[in-house]
């Protein structure tokens, strides 16, 4: 199985990606959270830090573009090629209301004719490898039948399918019957994305779709960075049930501290780094013994000392 790290805005940053790659089973691809084209200027300082090849040596990194304008997308692709990128990903999956209201992300799925024209413009205008990350519709899952017909017209590097609609957001169970439809009808290589949190989840997916060899992980692997290793061990031992668990708490702590230290280096003051880490902890708390008091300490920490003390107490419970 090939594993991809999903692009989570504010979480899977350059700092997170490089630290993850150093400490855990390396991902086969790392997707950079989406770029919104701005054609009148170059990349911002923050975007340059995310994109610069020297900041992520040894990683296969794929920038993701969020747009509904083909020419703007081509302009951004040309800029990315100057950095040496050979592949980009187009985002038709983001369910955020602010994104959807502008008919971007999964909002663009509500306009299939315009989506088709957009893909035609992009695919004719570049020779770079192009992949697509999509939901199965904006309002109803049945929209996916037409959407897949559109995707099938283009030679995509791969089609990454999150089998929910925009309106499902993250609340409803992924609609595997529509991913099964993609497995049967897609003319492009497929990658699955959505609600893989445990080795058992991965095993069920493999049993249901044995020909799928690419899996994009997001919230599950952010919560438990050992997830890919546990999934591989589970696959090696048929019939073995494995719950998510921390394999090496010292390694996890080293990873955590490196991420925090590197955020502090690029932050103006302590609060931005603390905010980043608190956001990361909203996911990571899921693999720790339930302790609402310590979780609250982390969320309420207003200084590095208070934050690190709460983290140390939590790690001591493992």
C-alpha atoms as a PDB file:
ATOM      1  CA  UNK A   1       0.000   0.000   0.000  1.00  0.00           C
ATOM      2  CA  UNK A   2       1.160   3.533  -0.786  1.00  0.00           C
ATOM      3  CA  UNK A   3       0.320   6.121   1.852  1.00  0.00           C
ATOM      4  CA  UNK A   4      -0.285   9.816   1.274  1.00  0.00           C
ATOM      5  CA  UNK A   5      -0.505  12.581   3.871  1.00  0.00           C
ATOM      6  CA  UNK A   6      -3.655  14.612   3.303  1.00  0.00           C
ATOM      7  CA  UNK A   7      -3.439  18.406   3.200  1.00  0.00           C
ATOM      8  CA  UNK A   8      -4.939  19.800   6.412  1.00  0.00           C
ATOM      9  CA  UNK A   9      -4.749  23.568   6.469  1.00  0.00           C
ATOM     10  CA  UNK A  10      -2.760  24.837   9.439  1.00  0.00           C
ATOM     11  CA  UNK A  11      -1.706  21.308  10.449  1.00  0.00           C
ATOM     12  CA  UNK A  12       0.337  19.573   7.752  1.00  0.00           C
ATOM     13  CA  UNK A  13       2.753  22.459   7.310  1.00  0.00           C
ATOM     14  CA  UNK A  14       6.347  22.229   6.108  1.00  0.00           C
ATOM     15  CA  UNK A  15       7.455  21.984   9.739  1.00  0.00           C
ATOM     16  CA  UNK A  16       5.044  19.141  10.443  1.00  0.00           C
ATOM     17  CA  UNK A  17       5.809  17.277   7.200  1.00  0.00           C
ATOM     18  CA  UNK A  18       9.589  17.287   7.623  1.00  0.00           C
ATOM     19  CA  UNK A  19       9.391  16.203  11.268  1.00  0.00           C
ATOM     20  CA  UNK A  20       6.909  13.446  10.455  1.00  0.00           C
ATOM     21  CA  UNK A  21       9.168  12.197   7.650  1.00  0.00           C
ATOM     22  CA  UNK A  22      12.129  12.102  10.042  1.00  0.00           C
ATOM     23  CA  UNK A  23      10.486  10.188  12.906  1.00  0.00           C
ATOM     24  CA  UNK A  24       7.865   7.893  11.381  1.00  0.00           C
ATOM     25  CA  UNK A  25       7.264   5.593   8.438  1.00  0.00           C
ATOM     26  CA  UNK A  26       7.744   8.032   5.527  1.00  0.00           C
ATOM     27  CA  UNK A  27       4.717   8.853   3.425  1.00  0.00           C
ATOM     28  CA  UNK A  28       4.936   8.136  -0.290  1.00  0.00           C
ATOM     29  CA  UNK A  29       3.493  11.587  -0.994  1.00  0.00           C
ATOM     30  CA  UNK A  30       2.930  14.708   1.093  1.00  0.00           C
ATOM     31  CA  UNK A  31       0.267  17.133  -0.121  1.00  0.00           C
ATOM     32  CA  UNK A  32       0.742  20.836   0.634  1.00  0.00           C
ATOM     33  CA  UNK A  33      -2.462  22.480   1.913  1.00  0.00           C
ATOM     34  CA  UNK A  34      -4.094  24.419  -0.850  1.00  0.00           C
ATOM     35  CA  UNK A  35      -2.743  27.429  -2.701  1.00  0.00           C
ATOM     36  CA  UNK A  36      -5.268  30.007  -3.902  1.00  0.00           C
ATOM     37  CA  UNK A  37      -3.960  31.583  -7.132  1.00  0.00           C
ATOM     38  CA  UNK A  38      -3.073  35.267  -7.024  1.00  0.00           C
ATOM     39  CA  UNK A  39      -1.803  36.145 -10.469  1.00  0.00           C
ATOM     40  CA  UNK A  40      -0.723  39.742  -9.843  1.00  0.00           C
ATOM     41  CA  UNK A  41       2.118  38.840  -7.488  1.00  0.00           C
ATOM     42  CA  UNK A  42       4.477  36.051  -6.576  1.00  0.00           C
ATOM     43  CA  UNK A  43       4.178  33.667  -3.667  1.00  0.00           C
ATOM     44  CA  UNK A  44       4.019  35.109  -0.158  1.00  0.00           C
ATOM     45  CA  UNK A  45       6.802  34.577   2.386  1.00  0.00           C
ATOM     46  CA  UNK A  46       4.698  31.896   4.073  1.00  0.00           C
ATOM     47  CA  UNK A  47       3.996  30.150   0.761  1.00  0.00           C
ATOM     48  CA  UNK A  48       7.671  30.247  -0.198  1.00  0.00           C
ATOM     49  CA  UNK A  49       8.564  28.554   3.086  1.00  0.00           C
ATOM     50  CA  UNK A  50       5.998  25.851   2.374  1.00  0.00           C
ATOM     51  CA  UNK A  51       7.110  25.348  -1.219  1.00  0.00           C
ATOM     52  CA  UNK A  52      10.898  25.739  -1.154  1.00  0.00           C
ATOM     53  CA  UNK A  53      12.524  22.399  -2.056  1.00  0.00           C
ATOM     54  CA  UNK A  54      15.411  22.998   0.365  1.00  0.00           C
ATOM     55  CA  UNK A  55      12.903  23.011   3.234  1.00  0.00           C
ATOM     56  CA  UNK A  56      11.726  19.467   2.476  1.00  0.00           C
ATOM     57  CA  UNK A  57      14.606  17.512   1.030  1.00  0.00           C
ATOM     58  CA  UNK A  58      13.889  13.822   0.551  1.00  0.00           C
ATOM     59  CA  UNK A  59      10.088  14.236   0.562  1.00  0.00           C
ATOM     60  CA  UNK A  60       7.854  13.762  -2.467  1.00  0.00           C
ATOM     61  CA  UNK A  61       5.707  16.865  -2.126  1.00  0.00           C
ATOM     62  CA  UNK A  62       2.624  17.758  -4.174  1.00  0.00           C
ATOM     63  CA  UNK A  63       1.198  21.304  -4.020  1.00  0.00           C
ATOM     64  CA  UNK A  64      -2.578  21.508  -4.023  1.00  0.00           C
ATOM     65  CA  UNK A  65      -4.401  24.293  -5.884  1.00  0.00           C
ATOM     66  CA  UNK A  66      -7.829  25.630  -4.898  1.00  0.00           C
ATOM     67  CA  UNK A  67      -9.425  27.471  -7.804  1.00  0.00           C
ATOM     68  CA  UNK A  68     -12.262  27.524 -10.318  1.00  0.00           C
ATOM     69  CA  UNK A  69     -10.364  29.573 -12.908  1.00  0.00           C
ATOM     70  CA  UNK A  70      -8.313  27.626 -15.421  1.00  0.00           C
ATOM     71  CA  UNK A  71      -5.990  30.445 -16.509  1.00  0.00           C
ATOM     72  CA  UNK A  72      -5.237  31.411 -12.901  1.00  0.00           C
ATOM     73  CA  UNK A  73      -4.467  27.784 -12.160  1.00  0.00           C
ATOM     74  CA  UNK A  74      -2.110  27.554 -15.142  1.00  0.00           C
ATOM     75  CA  UNK A  75      -0.310  30.686 -13.953  1.00  0.00           C
ATOM     76  CA  UNK A  76       0.202  29.090 -10.530  1.00  0.00           C
ATOM     77  CA  UNK A  77       1.375  25.833 -12.132  1.00  0.00           C
ATOM     78  CA  UNK A  78       4.007  27.753 -14.117  1.00  0.00           C
ATOM     79  CA  UNK A  79       5.274  29.339 -10.905  1.00  0.00           C
ATOM     80  CA  UNK A  80       5.392  25.939  -9.234  1.00  0.00           C
ATOM     81  CA  UNK A  81       7.369  24.486 -12.122  1.00  0.00           C
ATOM     82  CA  UNK A  82      10.022  27.129 -11.507  1.00  0.00           C
ATOM     83  CA  UNK A  83      10.457  25.522  -8.080  1.00  0.00           C
ATOM     84  CA  UNK A  84      10.935  22.150  -9.743  1.00  0.00           C
ATOM     85  CA  UNK A  85       7.520  20.604  -9.094  1.00  0.00           C
ATOM     86  CA  UNK A  86       6.435  17.846 -11.476  1.00  0.00           C
ATOM     87  CA  UNK A  87       2.927  17.249 -10.098  1.00  0.00           C
ATOM     88  CA  UNK A  88       0.030  19.312  -8.764  1.00  0.00           C
ATOM     89  CA  UNK A  89      -3.276  18.381  -7.182  1.00  0.00           C
ATOM     90  CA  UNK A  90      -6.593  20.136  -7.817  1.00  0.00           C
ATOM     91  CA  UNK A  91      -8.882  20.530  -4.809  1.00  0.00           C
ATOM     92  CA  UNK A  92     -12.560  19.725  -5.405  1.00  0.00           C
ATOM     93  CA  UNK A  93     -12.995  18.355  -1.896  1.00  0.00           C
ATOM     94  CA  UNK A  94     -12.776  21.142   0.686  1.00  0.00           C
ATOM     95  CA  UNK A  95     -16.184  21.362   2.431  1.00  0.00           C
ATOM     96  CA  UNK A  96     -15.577  24.682   4.222  1.00  0.00           C
ATOM     97  CA  UNK A  97     -18.561  27.012   3.817  1.00  0.00           C
ATOM     98  CA  UNK A  98     -16.358  30.013   3.075  1.00  0.00           C
ATOM     99  CA  UNK A  99     -14.709  28.044   0.255  1.00  0.00           C
ATOM    100  CA  UNK A 100     -17.914  26.469  -1.052  1.00  0.00           C
ATOM    101  CA  UNK A 101     -19.723  29.826  -1.156  1.00  0.00           C
ATOM    102  CA  UNK A 102     -17.219  30.933  -3.823  1.00  0.00           C
ATOM    103  CA  UNK A 103     -17.804  27.731  -5.830  1.00  0.00           C
ATOM    104  CA  UNK A 104     -14.362  26.435  -4.979  1.00  0.00           C
ATOM    105  CA  UNK A 105     -13.434  23.112  -3.420  1.00  0.00           C
ATOM    106  CA  UNK A 106     -16.480  20.843  -3.213  1.00  0.00           C
ATOM    107  CA  UNK A 107     -18.636  23.854  -4.081  1.00  0.00           C
ATOM    108  CA  UNK A 108     -17.338  23.630  -7.646  1.00  0.00           C
ATOM    109  CA  UNK A 109     -18.995  20.202  -7.956  1.00  0.00           C
ATOM    110  CA  UNK A 110     -22.366  21.967  -8.173  1.00  0.00           C
ATOM    111  CA  UNK A 111     -21.322  23.350 -11.582  1.00  0.00           C
ATOM    112  CA  UNK A 112     -20.311  20.298 -13.623  1.00  0.00           C
ATOM    113  CA  UNK A 113     -20.222  22.121 -16.981  1.00  0.00           C
ATOM    114  CA  UNK A 114     -17.855  24.765 -15.596  1.00  0.00           C
ATOM    115  CA  UNK A 115     -15.817  22.064 -13.871  1.00  0.00           C
ATOM    116  CA  UNK A 116     -15.450  20.281 -17.207  1.00  0.00           C
ATOM    117  CA  UNK A 117     -14.307  23.476 -18.947  1.00  0.00           C
ATOM    118  CA  UNK A 118     -11.876  24.184 -16.127  1.00  0.00           C
ATOM    119  CA  UNK A 119     -10.277  20.742 -16.420  1.00  0.00           C
ATOM    120  CA  UNK A 120     -10.131  21.051 -20.196  1.00  0.00           C
ATOM    121  CA  UNK A 121      -8.269  24.375 -19.893  1.00  0.00           C
ATOM    122  CA  UNK A 122      -5.819  23.057 -17.301  1.00  0.00           C
ATOM    123  CA  UNK A 123      -5.105  19.723 -18.970  1.00  0.00           C
ATOM    124  CA  UNK A 124      -4.555  21.313 -22.392  1.00  0.00           C
ATOM    125  CA  UNK A 125      -2.420  24.093 -20.938  1.00  0.00           C
ATOM    126  CA  UNK A 126       0.218  22.104 -19.078  1.00  0.00           C
ATOM    127  CA  UNK A 127       2.286  18.947 -19.363  1.00  0.00           C
ATOM    128  CA  UNK A 128       2.787  18.640 -15.622  1.00  0.00           C
ATOM    129  CA  UNK A 129       1.180  15.644 -13.897  1.00  0.00           C
ATOM    130  CA  UNK A 130      -2.252  16.583 -12.542  1.00  0.00           C
ATOM    131  CA  UNK A 131      -4.228  14.698  -9.893  1.00  0.00           C
ATOM    132  CA  UNK A 132      -7.645  15.506  -8.470  1.00  0.00           C
ATOM    133  CA  UNK A 133      -8.989  15.243  -4.927  1.00  0.00           C
ATOM    134  CA  UNK A 134     -12.775  15.183  -4.936  1.00  0.00           C
ATOM    135  CA  UNK A 135     -15.874  14.568  -2.923  1.00  0.00           C
ATOM    136  CA  UNK A 136     -18.730  12.721  -4.611  1.00  0.00           C
ATOM    137  CA  UNK A 137     -20.984  15.764  -4.916  1.00  0.00           C
ATOM    138  CA  UNK A 138     -22.061  18.950  -3.260  1.00  0.00           C
ATOM    139  CA  UNK A 139     -25.639  18.088  -2.296  1.00  0.00           C
ATOM    140  CA  UNK A 140     -26.426  14.500  -3.264  1.00  0.00           C
ATOM    141  CA  UNK A 141     -24.188  11.449  -3.764  1.00  0.00           C
ATOM    142  CA  UNK A 142     -25.892  10.665  -7.075  1.00  0.00           C
ATOM    143  CA  UNK A 143     -24.035  13.667  -8.513  1.00  0.00           C
ATOM    144  CA  UNK A 144     -20.953  11.463  -8.593  1.00  0.00           C
ATOM    145  CA  UNK A 145     -22.133   9.554 -11.669  1.00  0.00           C
ATOM    146  CA  UNK A 146     -21.858  12.674 -13.809  1.00  0.00           C
ATOM    147  CA  UNK A 147     -18.709  13.884 -12.081  1.00  0.00           C
ATOM    148  CA  UNK A 148     -16.915  10.618 -12.731  1.00  0.00           C
ATOM    149  CA  UNK A 149     -17.871  10.834 -16.423  1.00  0.00           C
ATOM    150  CA  UNK A 150     -16.149  14.226 -16.480  1.00  0.00           C
ATOM    151  CA  UNK A 151     -13.026  12.982 -14.705  1.00  0.00           C
ATOM    152  CA  UNK A 152     -12.845  10.010 -17.060  1.00  0.00           C
ATOM    153  CA  UNK A 153     -12.337  12.362 -20.003  1.00  0.00           C
ATOM    154  CA  UNK A 154      -8.920  13.435 -18.716  1.00  0.00           C
ATOM    155  CA  UNK A 155      -5.660  11.526 -18.145  1.00  0.00           C
ATOM    156  CA  UNK A 156      -5.238  12.250 -14.457  1.00  0.00           C
ATOM    157  CA  UNK A 157      -2.226  11.112 -12.473  1.00  0.00           C
ATOM    158  CA  UNK A 158      -4.779   9.787  -9.997  1.00  0.00           C
ATOM    159  CA  UNK A 159      -8.251  10.477  -8.681  1.00  0.00           C
ATOM    160  CA  UNK A 160      -8.401  10.761  -4.905  1.00  0.00           C
ATOM    161  CA  UNK A 161     -11.975  10.124  -3.774  1.00  0.00           C
ATOM    162  CA  UNK A 162     -13.427  11.114  -0.417  1.00  0.00           C
ATOM    163  CA  UNK A 163     -16.840   9.410  -0.634  1.00  0.00           C
ATOM    164  CA  UNK A 164     -18.882  12.081   1.118  1.00  0.00           C
ATOM    165  CA  UNK A 165     -20.808  15.054  -0.236  1.00  0.00           C
ATOM    166  CA  UNK A 166     -20.047  18.597   0.858  1.00  0.00           C
ATOM    167  CA  UNK A 167     -23.243  18.592   2.901  1.00  0.00           C
ATOM    168  CA  UNK A 168     -22.084  15.438   4.692  1.00  0.00           C
ATOM    169  CA  UNK A 169     -19.081  17.459   5.876  1.00  0.00           C
ATOM    170  CA  UNK A 170     -17.329  14.966   8.229  1.00  0.00           C
ATOM    171  CA  UNK A 171     -20.385  13.780  10.132  1.00  0.00           C
ATOM    172  CA  UNK A 172     -21.838  10.973   8.063  1.00  0.00           C
ATOM    173  CA  UNK A 173     -20.239   7.612   7.343  1.00  0.00           C
ATOM    174  CA  UNK A 174     -18.298   7.585   4.059  1.00  0.00           C
ATOM    175  CA  UNK A 175     -20.451   6.181   1.262  1.00  0.00           C
ATOM    176  CA  UNK A 176     -18.381   3.185   0.218  1.00  0.00           C
ATOM    177  CA  UNK A 177     -20.947   2.147  -2.391  1.00  0.00           C
ATOM    178  CA  UNK A 178     -19.948   5.218  -4.416  1.00  0.00           C
ATOM    179  CA  UNK A 179     -16.267   4.436  -4.056  1.00  0.00           C
ATOM    180  CA  UNK A 180     -17.132   0.930  -5.294  1.00  0.00           C
ATOM    181  CA  UNK A 181     -18.730   2.606  -8.307  1.00  0.00           C
ATOM    182  CA  UNK A 182     -15.478   4.491  -8.906  1.00  0.00           C
ATOM    183  CA  UNK A 183     -13.486   1.264  -8.644  1.00  0.00           C
ATOM    184  CA  UNK A 184     -15.695  -0.241 -11.350  1.00  0.00           C
ATOM    185  CA  UNK A 185     -15.981   2.758 -13.677  1.00  0.00           C
ATOM    186  CA  UNK A 186     -12.955   5.029 -13.226  1.00  0.00           C
ATOM    187  CA  UNK A 187     -10.498   5.240 -16.116  1.00  0.00           C
ATOM    188  CA  UNK A 188      -7.919   6.848 -13.844  1.00  0.00           C
ATOM    189  CA  UNK A 189      -5.902   5.292 -10.993  1.00  0.00           C
ATOM    190  CA  UNK A 190      -7.752   5.648  -7.684  1.00  0.00           C
ATOM    191  CA  UNK A 191      -6.769   6.607  -4.162  1.00  0.00           C
ATOM    192  CA  UNK A 192      -9.142   6.305  -1.197  1.00  0.00           C
ATOM    193  CA  UNK A 193      -9.542   9.024   1.451  1.00  0.00           C
ATOM    194  CA  UNK A 194     -11.889   9.206   4.424  1.00  0.00           C
ATOM    195  CA  UNK A 195     -12.229   7.972   8.023  1.00  0.00           C
ATOM    196  CA  UNK A 196      -9.266   5.623   8.333  1.00  0.00           C
ATOM    197  CA  UNK A 197      -8.487   5.953  12.025  1.00  0.00           C
ATOM    198  CA  UNK A 198      -7.392   2.464  13.079  1.00  0.00           C
ATOM    199  CA  UNK A 199      -5.653  -0.597  11.620  1.00  0.00           C
ATOM    200  CA  UNK A 200      -9.063  -2.278  11.571  1.00  0.00           C
ATOM    201  CA  UNK A 201     -10.399   0.517   9.370  1.00  0.00           C
ATOM    202  CA  UNK A 202      -7.530  -0.047   6.962  1.00  0.00           C
ATOM    203  CA  UNK A 203      -8.044  -3.818   6.992  1.00  0.00           C
ATOM    204  CA  UNK A 204     -11.758  -3.440   6.179  1.00  0.00           C
ATOM    205  CA  UNK A 205     -10.884  -1.163   3.291  1.00  0.00           C
ATOM    206  CA  UNK A 206      -8.350  -3.651   1.920  1.00  0.00           C
ATOM    207  CA  UNK A 207     -10.838  -6.503   2.209  1.00  0.00           C
ATOM    208  CA  UNK A 208     -13.574  -4.488   0.503  1.00  0.00           C
ATOM    209  CA  UNK A 209     -11.323  -3.064  -2.225  1.00  0.00           C
ATOM    210  CA  UNK A 210      -8.337  -5.420  -2.637  1.00  0.00           C
ATOM    211  CA  UNK A 211      -7.148  -3.726  -5.835  1.00  0.00           C
ATOM    212  CA  UNK A 212      -6.756  -0.301  -4.211  1.00  0.00           C
ATOM    213  CA  UNK A 213      -3.090   0.379  -3.567  1.00  0.00           C
ATOM    214  CA  UNK A 214      -3.165   4.062  -2.589  1.00  0.00           C
ATOM    215  CA  UNK A 215      -4.543   5.501   0.624  1.00  0.00           C
ATOM    216  CA  UNK A 216      -4.623   9.129   1.733  1.00  0.00           C
ATOM    217  CA  UNK A 217      -4.620   9.612   5.507  1.00  0.00           C
ATOM    218  CA  UNK A 218      -5.585  12.789   7.319  1.00  0.00           C
ATOM    219  CA  UNK A 219      -7.132  13.104  10.746  1.00  0.00           C
ATOM    220  CA  UNK A 220      -6.336   9.486  11.673  1.00  0.00           C
ATOM    221  CA  UNK A 221      -2.579   9.760  11.166  1.00  0.00           C
ATOM    222  CA  UNK A 222      -2.406  13.240  12.718  1.00  0.00           C
ATOM    223  CA  UNK A 223      -3.994  11.734  15.822  1.00  0.00           C
ATOM    224  CA  UNK A 224      -1.676   8.715  15.769  1.00  0.00           C
ATOM    225  CA  UNK A 225       1.506   9.167  13.696  1.00  0.00           C
ATOM    226  CA  UNK A 226       2.256   5.443  14.085  1.00  0.00           C
ATOM    227  CA  UNK A 227      -0.902   4.520  12.174  1.00  0.00           C
ATOM    228  CA  UNK A 228       0.778   3.467   8.912  1.00  0.00           C
ATOM    229  CA  UNK A 229       3.206   1.199  10.779  1.00  0.00           C
ATOM    230  CA  UNK A 230       0.380  -0.385  12.737  1.00  0.00           C
ATOM    231  CA  UNK A 231      -1.611  -0.901   9.552  1.00  0.00           C
ATOM    232  CA  UNK A 232       1.339  -2.610   7.877  1.00  0.00           C
ATOM    233  CA  UNK A 233       1.866  -4.877  10.869  1.00  0.00           C
ATOM    234  CA  UNK A 234      -1.823  -5.706  10.870  1.00  0.00           C
ATOM    235  CA  UNK A 235      -1.641  -6.636   7.170  1.00  0.00           C
ATOM    236  CA  UNK A 236       1.343  -8.887   7.828  1.00  0.00           C
ATOM    237  CA  UNK A 237      -0.599 -10.799  10.489  1.00  0.00           C
ATOM    238  CA  UNK A 238      -3.965 -11.819   8.990  1.00  0.00           C
ATOM    239  CA  UNK A 239      -6.768 -11.994  11.488  1.00  0.00           C
ATOM    240  CA  UNK A 240      -4.920  -9.926  14.056  1.00  0.00           C
ATOM    241  CA  UNK A 241      -6.915  -7.062  15.506  1.00  0.00           C
ATOM    242  CA  UNK A 242      -4.840  -4.088  16.603  1.00  0.00           C
ATOM    243  CA  UNK A 243      -6.149  -1.004  18.295  1.00  0.00           C
ATOM    244  CA  UNK A 244      -4.253   2.256  17.731  1.00  0.00           C
ATOM    245  CA  UNK A 245      -1.465   2.561  20.249  1.00  0.00           C
ATOM    246  CA  UNK A 246       1.728   4.488  20.737  1.00  0.00           C
ATOM    247  CA  UNK A 247       4.624   2.222  19.822  1.00  0.00           C
ATOM    248  CA  UNK A 248       7.332   4.448  21.285  1.00  0.00           C
ATOM    249  CA  UNK A 249       6.359   7.326  23.516  1.00  0.00           C
ATOM    250  CA  UNK A 250       9.916   8.686  23.611  1.00  0.00           C
ATOM    251  CA  UNK A 251       9.966   8.939  19.835  1.00  0.00           C
ATOM    252  CA  UNK A 252       6.582  10.626  19.846  1.00  0.00           C
ATOM    253  CA  UNK A 253       7.799  13.121  22.436  1.00  0.00           C
ATOM    254  CA  UNK A 254      10.927  13.910  20.377  1.00  0.00           C
ATOM    255  CA  UNK A 255       8.734  14.485  17.330  1.00  0.00           C
ATOM    256  CA  UNK A 256       6.356  16.689  19.308  1.00  0.00           C
ATOM    257  CA  UNK A 257       9.130  18.817  20.786  1.00  0.00           C
ATOM    258  CA  UNK A 258      10.857  19.268  17.438  1.00  0.00           C
ATOM    259  CA  UNK A 259       7.635  20.482  15.845  1.00  0.00           C
ATOM    260  CA  UNK A 260       7.072  22.897  18.732  1.00  0.00           C
ATOM    261  CA  UNK A 261      10.656  24.207  18.723  1.00  0.00           C
ATOM    262  CA  UNK A 262      10.566  24.818  14.978  1.00  0.00           C
ATOM    263  CA  UNK A 263       7.270  26.686  15.221  1.00  0.00           C
ATOM    264  CA  UNK A 264       8.807  28.878  17.917  1.00  0.00           C
ATOM    265  CA  UNK A 265      11.760  29.656  15.635  1.00  0.00           C
ATOM    266  CA  UNK A 266       9.542  31.088  12.911  1.00  0.00           C
ATOM    267  CA  UNK A 267       6.989  32.753  15.217  1.00  0.00           C
ATOM    268  CA  UNK A 268       7.005  36.284  16.531  1.00  0.00           C
ATOM    269  CA  UNK A 269       6.491  35.516  20.199  1.00  0.00           C
ATOM    270  CA  UNK A 270       5.204  32.433  21.989  1.00  0.00           C
ATOM    271  CA  UNK A 271       1.489  32.659  21.267  1.00  0.00           C
ATOM    272  CA  UNK A 272       1.530  31.708  17.541  1.00  0.00           C
ATOM    273  CA  UNK A 273       3.552  28.553  18.287  1.00  0.00           C
ATOM    274  CA  UNK A 274       1.281  27.674  21.216  1.00  0.00           C
ATOM    275  CA  UNK A 275      -1.768  28.121  19.003  1.00  0.00           C
ATOM    276  CA  UNK A 276      -0.281  25.766  16.391  1.00  0.00           C
ATOM    277  CA  UNK A 277       0.455  23.111  18.995  1.00  0.00           C
ATOM    278  CA  UNK A 278      -2.962  23.375  20.614  1.00  0.00           C
ATOM    279  CA  UNK A 279      -4.518  22.819  17.202  1.00  0.00           C
ATOM    280  CA  UNK A 280      -2.332  19.735  16.740  1.00  0.00           C
ATOM    281  CA  UNK A 281      -3.318  18.460  20.190  1.00  0.00           C
ATOM    282  CA  UNK A 282      -7.014  18.512  19.262  1.00  0.00           C
ATOM    283  CA  UNK A 283      -6.135  15.463  17.154  1.00  0.00           C
ATOM    284  CA  UNK A 284      -3.367  13.862  19.233  1.00  0.00           C
ATOM    285  CA  UNK A 285      -5.403  13.737  22.421  1.00  0.00           C
ATOM    286  CA  UNK A 286      -7.334  10.841  20.889  1.00  0.00           C
ATOM    287  CA  UNK A 287      -4.444   8.390  21.411  1.00  0.00           C
ATOM    288  CA  UNK A 288      -3.808   9.291  25.033  1.00  0.00           C
ATOM    289  CA  UNK A 289      -5.565   7.834  28.062  1.00  0.00           C
ATOM    290  CA  UNK A 290      -8.654   9.886  28.622  1.00  0.00           C
ATOM    291  CA  UNK A 291      -7.831  12.654  31.046  1.00  0.00           C
ATOM    292  CA  UNK A 292     -10.096  15.654  30.667  1.00  0.00           C
ATOM    293  CA  UNK A 293      -8.228  17.621  33.303  1.00  0.00           C
ATOM    294  CA  UNK A 294      -4.893  17.437  31.496  1.00  0.00           C
ATOM    295  CA  UNK A 295      -6.545  17.985  28.129  1.00  0.00           C
ATOM    296  CA  UNK A 296      -8.059  21.155  29.529  1.00  0.00           C
ATOM    297  CA  UNK A 297      -4.636  22.222  30.839  1.00  0.00           C
ATOM    298  CA  UNK A 298      -3.177  21.949  27.351  1.00  0.00           C
ATOM    299  CA  UNK A 299      -6.033  23.844  25.777  1.00  0.00           C
ATOM    300  CA  UNK A 300      -5.882  26.600  28.413  1.00  0.00           C
ATOM    301  CA  UNK A 301      -2.062  26.956  28.569  1.00  0.00           C
ATOM    302  CA  UNK A 302      -0.952  30.537  27.961  1.00  0.00           C
ATOM    303  CA  UNK A 303       2.795  30.138  28.396  1.00  0.00           C
ATOM    304  CA  UNK A 304       5.431  27.651  27.199  1.00  0.00           C
ATOM    305  CA  UNK A 305       6.051  26.511  30.792  1.00  0.00           C
ATOM    306  CA  UNK A 306       2.396  25.734  31.499  1.00  0.00           C
ATOM    307  CA  UNK A 307       2.012  24.030  28.133  1.00  0.00           C
ATOM    308  CA  UNK A 308       5.106  21.827  28.469  1.00  0.00           C
ATOM    309  CA  UNK A 309       4.214  20.882  32.045  1.00  0.00           C
ATOM    310  CA  UNK A 310       0.793  19.709  30.919  1.00  0.00           C
ATOM    311  CA  UNK A 311       2.328  17.794  27.995  1.00  0.00           C
ATOM    312  CA  UNK A 312       4.844  16.114  30.333  1.00  0.00           C
ATOM    313  CA  UNK A 313       2.039  15.026  32.675  1.00  0.00           C
ATOM    314  CA  UNK A 314       0.095  13.576  29.750  1.00  0.00           C
ATOM    315  CA  UNK A 315       3.067  11.646  28.380  1.00  0.00           C
ATOM    316  CA  UNK A 316       3.696  10.251  31.845  1.00  0.00           C
ATOM    317  CA  UNK A 317       0.334   8.465  31.649  1.00  0.00           C
ATOM    318  CA  UNK A 318       1.450   6.328  28.690  1.00  0.00           C
END
